[in-house]
């Protein structure tokens, strides 16, 4: 998804996904991923791929990709909610929302989700 029309989408349109849409609800990276899937697939494919993505997310030990090579502990969310996902990580790691390693963990989650939807879309559309 490089070039027109995708270069017309302002990245700022997705800032509202941070911190589970500011309410610790759906993981913001999942919301953005669902929007990206929706930009390139029909309605039936969207429902299928988004469902598959959400099921994968609930079972995946994040973060696989670890910015800065921090060797952060991995946790399984068992939910698509930001509060559950990041909450488990913070409990295991003993940090709060403001901690830099929590931010790195969420960056790793975003990278993992971006990689996963790339694989899914390449498999389906490629």
C-alpha atoms as a PDB file:
ATOM      1  CA  UNK A   1       0.000   0.000   0.000  1.00  0.00           C
ATOM      2  CA  UNK A   2       2.427   2.597  -1.194  1.00  0.00           C
ATOM      3  CA  UNK A   3       1.492   5.668  -3.164  1.00  0.00           C
ATOM      4  CA  UNK A   4      -1.855   6.987  -4.247  1.00  0.00           C
ATOM      5  CA  UNK A   5      -4.507   6.790  -2.834  1.00  0.00           C
ATOM      6  CA  UNK A   6      -2.911   5.625   0.422  1.00  0.00           C
ATOM      7  CA  UNK A   7      -0.539   8.574   0.650  1.00  0.00           C
ATOM      8  CA  UNK A   8      -3.634  10.772   0.957  1.00  0.00           C
ATOM      9  CA  UNK A   9      -4.586   9.311   4.350  1.00  0.00           C
ATOM     10  CA  UNK A  10      -3.268  11.478   7.169  1.00  0.00           C
ATOM     11  CA  UNK A  11      -1.519   9.403   9.857  1.00  0.00           C
ATOM     12  CA  UNK A  12      -3.091  11.765  12.396  1.00  0.00           C
ATOM     13  CA  UNK A  13      -6.421  10.082  11.650  1.00  0.00           C
ATOM     14  CA  UNK A  14      -5.252   7.150  13.776  1.00  0.00           C
ATOM     15  CA  UNK A  15      -3.862   8.989  16.806  1.00  0.00           C
ATOM     16  CA  UNK A  16      -7.185   8.470  18.570  1.00  0.00           C
ATOM     17  CA  UNK A  17      -6.377   4.750  18.895  1.00  0.00           C
ATOM     18  CA  UNK A  18      -3.695   5.404  21.514  1.00  0.00           C
ATOM     19  CA  UNK A  19      -4.315   3.949  24.984  1.00  0.00           C
ATOM     20  CA  UNK A  20      -7.271   1.924  23.766  1.00  0.00           C
ATOM     21  CA  UNK A  21      -8.985   4.948  22.245  1.00  0.00           C
ATOM     22  CA  UNK A  22      -8.236   6.855  25.434  1.00  0.00           C
ATOM     23  CA  UNK A  23     -10.472   4.532  27.437  1.00  0.00           C
ATOM     24  CA  UNK A  24      -8.451   1.285  27.554  1.00  0.00           C
ATOM     25  CA  UNK A  25     -10.986  -0.372  25.242  1.00  0.00           C
ATOM     26  CA  UNK A  26     -10.008  -2.050  21.957  1.00  0.00           C
ATOM     27  CA  UNK A  27      -6.243  -2.121  21.413  1.00  0.00           C
ATOM     28  CA  UNK A  28      -5.602   0.871  19.152  1.00  0.00           C
ATOM     29  CA  UNK A  29      -3.295  -1.153  16.924  1.00  0.00           C
ATOM     30  CA  UNK A  30      -6.136  -3.571  16.235  1.00  0.00           C
ATOM     31  CA  UNK A  31      -8.468  -0.715  15.322  1.00  0.00           C
ATOM     32  CA  UNK A  32      -5.939   0.699  12.879  1.00  0.00           C
ATOM     33  CA  UNK A  33      -5.286  -2.769  11.454  1.00  0.00           C
ATOM     34  CA  UNK A  34      -9.009  -3.320  10.922  1.00  0.00           C
ATOM     35  CA  UNK A  35      -9.222   0.015   9.097  1.00  0.00           C
ATOM     36  CA  UNK A  36      -6.270  -0.940   6.881  1.00  0.00           C
ATOM     37  CA  UNK A  37      -7.835  -4.303   6.061  1.00  0.00           C
ATOM     38  CA  UNK A  38     -11.064  -2.470   5.218  1.00  0.00           C
ATOM     39  CA  UNK A  39      -9.274  -0.213   2.754  1.00  0.00           C
ATOM     40  CA  UNK A  40      -8.268  -3.073   0.478  1.00  0.00           C
ATOM     41  CA  UNK A  41     -10.858  -5.862   0.886  1.00  0.00           C
ATOM     42  CA  UNK A  42     -14.576  -6.449   0.424  1.00  0.00           C
ATOM     43  CA  UNK A  43     -16.981  -6.706   3.361  1.00  0.00           C
ATOM     44  CA  UNK A  44     -16.945 -10.515   3.659  1.00  0.00           C
ATOM     45  CA  UNK A  45     -13.165 -10.664   3.536  1.00  0.00           C
ATOM     46  CA  UNK A  46     -12.933  -7.856   6.089  1.00  0.00           C
ATOM     47  CA  UNK A  47     -15.102  -9.731   8.583  1.00  0.00           C
ATOM     48  CA  UNK A  48     -13.108 -12.906   8.100  1.00  0.00           C
ATOM     49  CA  UNK A  49      -9.650 -11.319   8.327  1.00  0.00           C
ATOM     50  CA  UNK A  50     -10.490  -9.026  11.240  1.00  0.00           C
ATOM     51  CA  UNK A  51     -11.959 -11.975  13.142  1.00  0.00           C
ATOM     52  CA  UNK A  52      -8.857 -14.028  12.404  1.00  0.00           C
ATOM     53  CA  UNK A  53      -6.612 -11.148  13.487  1.00  0.00           C
ATOM     54  CA  UNK A  54      -8.483 -10.633  16.750  1.00  0.00           C
ATOM     55  CA  UNK A  55      -8.382 -14.372  17.552  1.00  0.00           C
ATOM     56  CA  UNK A  56      -4.634 -14.437  16.860  1.00  0.00           C
ATOM     57  CA  UNK A  57      -4.073 -11.358  19.043  1.00  0.00           C
ATOM     58  CA  UNK A  58      -5.816 -12.939  22.039  1.00  0.00           C
ATOM     59  CA  UNK A  59      -3.427 -15.923  21.959  1.00  0.00           C
ATOM     60  CA  UNK A  60      -0.128 -14.387  20.824  1.00  0.00           C
ATOM     61  CA  UNK A  61       2.698 -13.790  23.330  1.00  0.00           C
ATOM     62  CA  UNK A  62       3.527 -10.101  22.846  1.00  0.00           C
ATOM     63  CA  UNK A  63       5.902  -8.471  22.238  1.00  0.00           C
ATOM     64  CA  UNK A  64       7.739 -10.697  19.809  1.00  0.00           C
ATOM     65  CA  UNK A  65       9.428  -7.705  18.200  1.00  0.00           C
ATOM     66  CA  UNK A  66      11.181  -5.735  20.898  1.00  0.00           C
ATOM     67  CA  UNK A  67      12.345  -2.241  20.093  1.00  0.00           C
ATOM     68  CA  UNK A  68      15.701  -1.384  21.612  1.00  0.00           C
ATOM     69  CA  UNK A  69      16.374  -5.089  22.328  1.00  0.00           C
ATOM     70  CA  UNK A  70      15.027  -4.763  25.866  1.00  0.00           C
ATOM     71  CA  UNK A  71      14.213  -8.457  26.376  1.00  0.00           C
ATOM     72  CA  UNK A  72      10.820  -7.563  27.824  1.00  0.00           C
ATOM     73  CA  UNK A  73       8.643 -10.298  29.301  1.00  0.00           C
ATOM     74  CA  UNK A  74       5.937 -11.578  26.985  1.00  0.00           C
ATOM     75  CA  UNK A  75       2.305 -11.922  27.978  1.00  0.00           C
ATOM     76  CA  UNK A  76      -0.838 -13.298  26.358  1.00  0.00           C
ATOM     77  CA  UNK A  77      -3.780 -10.888  26.515  1.00  0.00           C
ATOM     78  CA  UNK A  78      -6.625 -13.430  26.178  1.00  0.00           C
ATOM     79  CA  UNK A  79      -8.641 -10.370  25.132  1.00  0.00           C
ATOM     80  CA  UNK A  80      -8.623  -7.616  22.505  1.00  0.00           C
ATOM     81  CA  UNK A  81      -8.917  -4.924  25.172  1.00  0.00           C
ATOM     82  CA  UNK A  82      -6.028  -2.584  25.802  1.00  0.00           C
ATOM     83  CA  UNK A  83      -6.665  -2.719  29.555  1.00  0.00           C
ATOM     84  CA  UNK A  84      -6.281  -6.499  29.603  1.00  0.00           C
ATOM     85  CA  UNK A  85      -3.359  -6.679  27.209  1.00  0.00           C
ATOM     86  CA  UNK A  86      -1.172  -3.932  28.620  1.00  0.00           C
ATOM     87  CA  UNK A  87      -2.470  -4.551  32.149  1.00  0.00           C
ATOM     88  CA  UNK A  88      -1.081  -8.093  32.172  1.00  0.00           C
ATOM     89  CA  UNK A  89       2.251  -6.828  30.887  1.00  0.00           C
ATOM     90  CA  UNK A  90       2.448  -4.075  33.505  1.00  0.00           C
ATOM     91  CA  UNK A  91       1.584  -6.513  36.282  1.00  0.00           C
ATOM     92  CA  UNK A  92       4.225  -9.048  35.206  1.00  0.00           C
ATOM     93  CA  UNK A  93       6.881  -6.388  34.579  1.00  0.00           C
ATOM     94  CA  UNK A  94       6.017  -4.180  37.549  1.00  0.00           C
ATOM     95  CA  UNK A  95       5.651  -0.928  35.594  1.00  0.00           C
ATOM     96  CA  UNK A  96       2.930   1.671  35.073  1.00  0.00           C
ATOM     97  CA  UNK A  97       1.495   3.303  31.946  1.00  0.00           C
ATOM     98  CA  UNK A  98       4.074   6.103  31.981  1.00  0.00           C
ATOM     99  CA  UNK A  99       7.066   3.744  32.064  1.00  0.00           C
ATOM    100  CA  UNK A 100       9.263   3.838  28.926  1.00  0.00           C
ATOM    101  CA  UNK A 101       9.347   0.029  28.733  1.00  0.00           C
ATOM    102  CA  UNK A 102       5.535  -0.084  28.626  1.00  0.00           C
ATOM    103  CA  UNK A 103       5.701   2.282  25.679  1.00  0.00           C
ATOM    104  CA  UNK A 104       8.313   0.066  24.006  1.00  0.00           C
ATOM    105  CA  UNK A 105       6.123  -2.966  24.597  1.00  0.00           C
ATOM    106  CA  UNK A 106       3.169  -1.277  22.889  1.00  0.00           C
ATOM    107  CA  UNK A 107       5.423  -0.272  19.986  1.00  0.00           C
ATOM    108  CA  UNK A 108       6.393  -3.940  19.685  1.00  0.00           C
ATOM    109  CA  UNK A 109       2.714  -4.943  19.699  1.00  0.00           C
ATOM    110  CA  UNK A 110       1.999  -2.434  16.920  1.00  0.00           C
ATOM    111  CA  UNK A 111       4.898  -3.821  14.879  1.00  0.00           C
ATOM    112  CA  UNK A 112       3.689  -7.386  15.422  1.00  0.00           C
ATOM    113  CA  UNK A 113       0.180  -6.520  14.289  1.00  0.00           C
ATOM    114  CA  UNK A 114       1.486  -4.678  11.222  1.00  0.00           C
ATOM    115  CA  UNK A 115       3.524  -7.742  10.305  1.00  0.00           C
ATOM    116  CA  UNK A 116       0.576 -10.061  10.848  1.00  0.00           C
ATOM    117  CA  UNK A 117      -1.827  -8.107   8.647  1.00  0.00           C
ATOM    118  CA  UNK A 118       0.860  -7.877   5.978  1.00  0.00           C
ATOM    119  CA  UNK A 119       1.144 -11.685   6.016  1.00  0.00           C
ATOM    120  CA  UNK A 120      -2.631 -12.115   6.004  1.00  0.00           C
ATOM    121  CA  UNK A 121      -3.204  -9.686   3.135  1.00  0.00           C
ATOM    122  CA  UNK A 122      -0.327 -11.085   1.079  1.00  0.00           C
ATOM    123  CA  UNK A 123      -1.703 -14.580   1.541  1.00  0.00           C
ATOM    124  CA  UNK A 124      -5.245 -13.545   0.664  1.00  0.00           C
ATOM    125  CA  UNK A 125      -4.588 -10.998  -2.063  1.00  0.00           C
ATOM    126  CA  UNK A 126      -1.095 -11.832  -3.266  1.00  0.00           C
END
